[in-house]
Amino acid sequence: MSVAQFKRLKDSARRVIHFSIDGEPCTARAGDSVLSAMMLTGRLIRQSDIDAGFRAGFCLMGACQDCWVWLETGGRIRACTTPIEDGLSIKTNDPDFRT
């Protein structure tokens, strides 16, 4: 599902960062958090753990647990407090969750 959430007005001074979300190539700018980089793509962040709804971050400061995403290399991160990095491969669904 795609929903416009953020729009970068103008920013050409910072280095372009290449990353992927669920295998889809994306770009951001150096200094962006994972959450802002994901929201700038127009995508929702992840599906809720408890219902069919989607999550998009809530507190934006690492307190609410609403922006957890998983890395292809394993583990999970808080998207709102983690800086985006070149080559980061993000998964929006828990790879260990089995329905």
N, C-alpha and C. Protein backbone atom coordinates (compact mmCIF):
# COMPACT_ATOMS: atom_id res chain seq x y z
N MET A 1 0.84 -1.17 0.00
CA MET A 1 0.00 0.00 0.00
C MET A 1 0.89 1.23 0.00
N SER A 2 0.54 2.23 -0.76
CA SER A 2 1.33 3.45 -0.86
C SER A 2 0.49 4.64 -0.43
N VAL A 3 1.05 5.44 0.45
CA VAL A 3 0.38 6.64 0.95
C VAL A 3 1.43 7.73 1.06
N ALA A 4 1.19 8.87 0.40
CA ALA A 4 2.14 9.97 0.51
C ALA A 4 2.14 10.47 1.95
N GLN A 5 3.31 10.48 2.57
CA GLN A 5 3.40 10.87 3.97
C GLN A 5 4.31 12.08 4.15
N PHE A 6 5.45 12.07 3.55
CA PHE A 6 6.40 13.17 3.62
C PHE A 6 6.76 13.57 2.20
N LYS A 7 7.18 14.80 2.04
CA LYS A 7 7.69 15.24 0.75
C LYS A 7 8.92 16.11 1.02
N ARG A 8 10.02 15.74 0.38
CA ARG A 8 11.25 16.53 0.54
C ARG A 8 11.11 17.75 -0.36
N LEU A 9 11.23 18.94 0.23
CA LEU A 9 11.04 20.15 -0.55
C LEU A 9 12.25 20.45 -1.43
N LYS A 10 13.42 20.51 -0.84
CA LYS A 10 14.64 20.72 -1.63
C LYS A 10 15.81 20.34 -0.77
N ASP A 11 16.66 19.51 -1.30
CA ASP A 11 17.82 19.08 -0.53
C ASP A 11 18.79 18.39 -1.46
N SER A 12 19.67 19.16 -2.04
CA SER A 12 20.63 18.55 -2.97
C SER A 12 22.05 18.55 -2.41
N ALA A 13 22.24 19.12 -1.22
CA ALA A 13 23.58 19.23 -0.67
C ALA A 13 24.06 17.95 0.00
N ARG A 14 23.15 17.14 0.53
CA ARG A 14 23.56 15.93 1.24
C ARG A 14 23.69 14.75 0.28
N ARG A 15 24.60 13.86 0.60
CA ARG A 15 24.90 12.68 -0.22
C ARG A 15 23.66 11.78 -0.35
N VAL A 16 23.46 11.20 -1.52
CA VAL A 16 22.36 10.27 -1.76
C VAL A 16 22.74 8.91 -1.18
N ILE A 17 21.80 8.30 -0.46
CA ILE A 17 21.96 6.98 0.15
C ILE A 17 21.04 6.02 -0.59
N HIS A 18 21.55 4.84 -0.93
CA HIS A 18 20.76 3.81 -1.60
C HIS A 18 20.47 2.69 -0.61
N PHE A 19 19.19 2.31 -0.51
CA PHE A 19 18.77 1.24 0.39
C PHE A 19 17.58 0.54 -0.25
N SER A 20 17.05 -0.48 0.40
CA SER A 20 15.87 -1.15 -0.16
C SER A 20 14.87 -1.45 0.95
N ILE A 21 13.60 -1.48 0.55
CA ILE A 21 12.50 -1.85 1.44
C ILE A 21 11.80 -3.03 0.78
N ASP A 22 11.81 -4.17 1.43
CA ASP A 22 11.19 -5.39 0.90
C ASP A 22 11.65 -5.66 -0.53
N GLY A 23 12.94 -5.44 -0.77
CA GLY A 23 13.53 -5.71 -2.08
C GLY A 23 13.38 -4.61 -3.10
N GLU A 24 12.64 -3.55 -2.79
CA GLU A 24 12.43 -2.44 -3.72
C GLU A 24 13.49 -1.37 -3.49
N PRO A 25 14.27 -1.01 -4.53
CA PRO A 25 15.31 0.00 -4.38
C PRO A 25 14.72 1.37 -4.03
N CYS A 26 15.39 2.08 -3.11
CA CYS A 26 14.95 3.41 -2.67
C CYS A 26 16.17 4.29 -2.47
N THR A 27 15.94 5.59 -2.38
CA THR A 27 17.02 6.52 -2.05
C THR A 27 16.58 7.44 -0.92
N ALA A 28 17.57 7.95 -0.22
CA ALA A 28 17.37 8.91 0.87
C ALA A 28 18.55 9.85 0.84
N ARG A 29 18.68 10.67 1.85
CA ARG A 29 19.82 11.58 1.96
C ARG A 29 20.57 11.30 3.26
N ALA A 30 21.87 11.44 3.23
CA ALA A 30 22.69 11.26 4.43
C ALA A 30 22.12 12.11 5.55
N GLY A 31 21.99 11.52 6.74
CA GLY A 31 21.44 12.22 7.88
C GLY A 31 19.98 11.91 8.14
N ASP A 32 19.28 11.31 7.16
CA ASP A 32 17.89 10.91 7.38
C ASP A 32 17.84 9.74 8.34
N SER A 33 16.79 9.65 9.13
CA SER A 33 16.56 8.43 9.91
C SER A 33 15.96 7.39 8.97
N VAL A 34 15.98 6.14 9.38
CA VAL A 34 15.33 5.09 8.58
C VAL A 34 13.85 5.42 8.42
N LEU A 35 13.21 5.89 9.50
CA LEU A 35 11.78 6.20 9.43
C LEU A 35 11.50 7.31 8.42
N SER A 36 12.23 8.41 8.49
CA SER A 36 11.97 9.49 7.52
C SER A 36 12.28 9.04 6.10
N ALA A 37 13.34 8.25 5.92
CA ALA A 37 13.66 7.73 4.59
C ALA A 37 12.53 6.86 4.06
N MET A 38 11.99 6.00 4.94
CA MET A 38 10.88 5.14 4.52
C MET A 38 9.63 5.96 4.21
N MET A 39 9.33 6.94 5.05
CA MET A 39 8.13 7.74 4.84
C MET A 39 8.23 8.59 3.57
N LEU A 40 9.44 9.01 3.22
CA LEU A 40 9.63 9.78 1.99
C LEU A 40 9.38 8.94 0.73
N THR A 41 9.41 7.62 0.85
CA THR A 41 9.10 6.77 -0.30
C THR A 41 7.60 6.71 -0.56
N GLY A 42 6.79 7.18 0.40
CA GLY A 42 5.33 7.14 0.24
C GLY A 42 4.72 5.83 0.71
N ARG A 43 5.52 4.97 1.30
CA ARG A 43 5.02 3.67 1.79
C ARG A 43 4.64 3.75 3.25
N LEU A 44 3.72 2.87 3.63
CA LEU A 44 3.45 2.69 5.05
C LEU A 44 4.60 1.89 5.64
N ILE A 45 4.86 2.05 6.92
CA ILE A 45 6.06 1.47 7.52
C ILE A 45 5.95 -0.04 7.70
N ARG A 46 4.92 -0.53 8.36
CA ARG A 46 4.79 -1.96 8.57
C ARG A 46 3.37 -2.29 9.00
N GLN A 47 3.03 -3.56 8.94
CA GLN A 47 1.72 -4.00 9.40
C GLN A 47 1.74 -4.16 10.92
N SER A 48 0.62 -3.89 11.54
CA SER A 48 0.50 -4.01 12.98
C SER A 48 0.72 -5.46 13.42
N ASP A 49 1.26 -5.62 14.62
CA ASP A 49 1.45 -6.96 15.19
C ASP A 49 0.15 -7.55 15.72
N ILE A 50 -0.85 -6.70 15.95
CA ILE A 50 -2.06 -7.19 16.61
C ILE A 50 -3.34 -7.15 15.77
N ASP A 51 -3.31 -6.47 14.64
CA ASP A 51 -4.50 -6.42 13.79
C ASP A 51 -4.09 -6.21 12.34
N ALA A 52 -5.06 -6.01 11.47
CA ALA A 52 -4.77 -5.87 10.04
C ALA A 52 -4.37 -4.46 9.65
N GLY A 53 -4.26 -3.56 10.60
CA GLY A 53 -3.89 -2.18 10.30
C GLY A 53 -2.42 -2.01 10.01
N PHE A 54 -2.07 -0.83 9.55
CA PHE A 54 -0.68 -0.52 9.25
C PHE A 54 -0.16 0.51 10.25
N ARG A 55 1.12 0.51 10.47
CA ARG A 55 1.77 1.42 11.40
C ARG A 55 2.69 2.35 10.62
N ALA A 56 2.88 3.55 11.14
CA ALA A 56 3.74 4.50 10.45
C ALA A 56 4.62 5.28 11.40
N GLY A 57 4.85 4.75 12.59
CA GLY A 57 5.59 5.50 13.59
C GLY A 57 4.62 6.38 14.37
N PHE A 58 4.87 6.57 15.63
CA PHE A 58 3.94 7.34 16.45
C PHE A 58 4.65 8.45 17.18
N CYS A 59 5.59 8.10 18.05
CA CYS A 59 6.22 9.12 18.90
C CYS A 59 7.38 9.82 18.20
N LEU A 60 8.03 9.14 17.27
CA LEU A 60 9.18 9.66 16.51
C LEU A 60 10.41 9.94 17.37
N MET A 61 10.47 9.31 18.58
CA MET A 61 11.64 9.51 19.43
C MET A 61 12.08 8.23 20.14
N GLY A 62 11.62 7.07 19.70
CA GLY A 62 12.11 5.80 20.24
C GLY A 62 11.44 5.29 21.49
N ALA A 63 10.28 5.83 21.84
CA ALA A 63 9.62 5.41 23.07
C ALA A 63 8.44 4.47 22.85
N CYS A 64 7.80 4.49 21.71
CA CYS A 64 6.50 3.81 21.57
C CYS A 64 6.57 2.40 20.97
N GLN A 65 7.67 1.98 20.42
CA GLN A 65 7.81 0.65 19.80
C GLN A 65 6.99 0.49 18.51
N ASP A 66 6.50 1.56 17.93
CA ASP A 66 5.60 1.48 16.79
C ASP A 66 6.33 1.42 15.44
N CYS A 67 7.61 1.68 15.41
CA CYS A 67 8.31 1.76 14.13
C CYS A 67 9.35 0.66 13.94
N TRP A 68 9.26 -0.44 14.71
CA TRP A 68 10.21 -1.54 14.53
C TRP A 68 10.14 -2.06 13.11
N VAL A 69 11.29 -2.24 12.49
CA VAL A 69 11.41 -2.92 11.20
C VAL A 69 12.56 -3.91 11.32
N TRP A 70 12.65 -4.82 10.39
CA TRP A 70 13.65 -5.88 10.44
C TRP A 70 14.67 -5.68 9.34
N LEU A 71 15.86 -6.18 9.57
CA LEU A 71 16.93 -6.11 8.58
C LEU A 71 17.08 -7.46 7.90
N GLU A 72 17.41 -7.43 6.63
CA GLU A 72 17.62 -8.68 5.90
C GLU A 72 18.75 -9.48 6.52
N THR A 73 19.69 -8.81 7.14
CA THR A 73 20.82 -9.48 7.78
C THR A 73 20.46 -10.07 9.13
N GLY A 74 19.24 -9.82 9.60
CA GLY A 74 18.79 -10.31 10.89
C GLY A 74 18.65 -9.19 11.89
N GLY A 75 17.84 -9.42 12.89
CA GLY A 75 17.61 -8.41 13.91
C GLY A 75 16.57 -7.39 13.50
N ARG A 76 16.25 -6.53 14.44
CA ARG A 76 15.29 -5.47 14.16
C ARG A 76 15.82 -4.16 14.72
N ILE A 77 15.30 -3.07 14.19
CA ILE A 77 15.73 -1.74 14.60
C ILE A 77 14.53 -0.84 14.78
N ARG A 78 14.72 0.20 15.58
CA ARG A 78 13.72 1.27 15.65
C ARG A 78 14.02 2.21 14.49
N ALA A 79 13.09 2.33 13.59
CA ALA A 79 13.32 3.14 12.40
C ALA A 79 13.47 4.63 12.72
N CYS A 80 12.83 5.09 13.80
CA CYS A 80 12.86 6.53 14.08
C CYS A 80 14.18 7.00 14.67
N THR A 81 14.97 6.10 15.26
CA THR A 81 16.22 6.53 15.89
C THR A 81 17.47 5.96 15.22
N THR A 82 17.29 5.25 14.13
CA THR A 82 18.42 4.63 13.42
C THR A 82 18.72 5.42 12.15
N PRO A 83 19.95 5.89 11.98
CA PRO A 83 20.31 6.60 10.75
C PRO A 83 20.30 5.64 9.55
N ILE A 84 19.84 6.13 8.42
CA ILE A 84 19.84 5.34 7.19
C ILE A 84 21.29 5.16 6.74
N GLU A 85 21.59 4.00 6.15
CA GLU A 85 22.94 3.71 5.67
C GLU A 85 22.87 3.14 4.27
N ASP A 86 23.93 3.38 3.51
CA ASP A 86 24.03 2.79 2.17
C ASP A 86 23.94 1.28 2.26
N GLY A 87 23.14 0.68 1.39
CA GLY A 87 23.04 -0.76 1.30
C GLY A 87 22.13 -1.41 2.31
N LEU A 88 21.49 -0.64 3.17
CA LEU A 88 20.59 -1.20 4.18
C LEU A 88 19.41 -1.87 3.47
N SER A 89 19.12 -3.10 3.87
CA SER A 89 18.00 -3.85 3.29
C SER A 89 16.96 -4.08 4.39
N ILE A 90 15.85 -3.38 4.28
CA ILE A 90 14.82 -3.34 5.32
C ILE A 90 13.66 -4.25 4.95
N LYS A 91 13.17 -4.96 5.93
CA LYS A 91 11.97 -5.81 5.77
C LYS A 91 10.87 -5.21 6.65
N THR A 92 9.67 -5.09 6.11
CA THR A 92 8.58 -4.50 6.88
C THR A 92 7.76 -5.53 7.64
N ASN A 93 8.02 -6.80 7.40
CA ASN A 93 7.34 -7.87 8.14
C ASN A 93 8.37 -8.72 8.87
N ASP A 94 8.02 -9.16 10.06
CA ASP A 94 8.88 -9.99 10.88
C ASP A 94 9.16 -11.30 10.15
N PRO A 95 10.40 -11.58 9.76
CA PRO A 95 10.69 -12.81 9.02
C PRO A 95 10.47 -14.07 9.85
N ASP A 96 10.42 -13.95 11.18
CA ASP A 96 10.21 -15.12 12.04
C ASP A 96 8.74 -15.34 12.40
N PHE A 97 7.87 -14.42 11.99
CA PHE A 97 6.46 -14.55 12.33
C PHE A 97 5.80 -15.54 11.39
N ARG A 98 5.12 -16.48 11.93
CA ARG A 98 4.43 -17.51 11.12
C ARG A 98 2.94 -17.42 11.41
N THR A 99 2.14 -17.34 10.36
CA THR A 99 0.69 -17.27 10.55
C THR A 99 0.09 -18.64 10.63
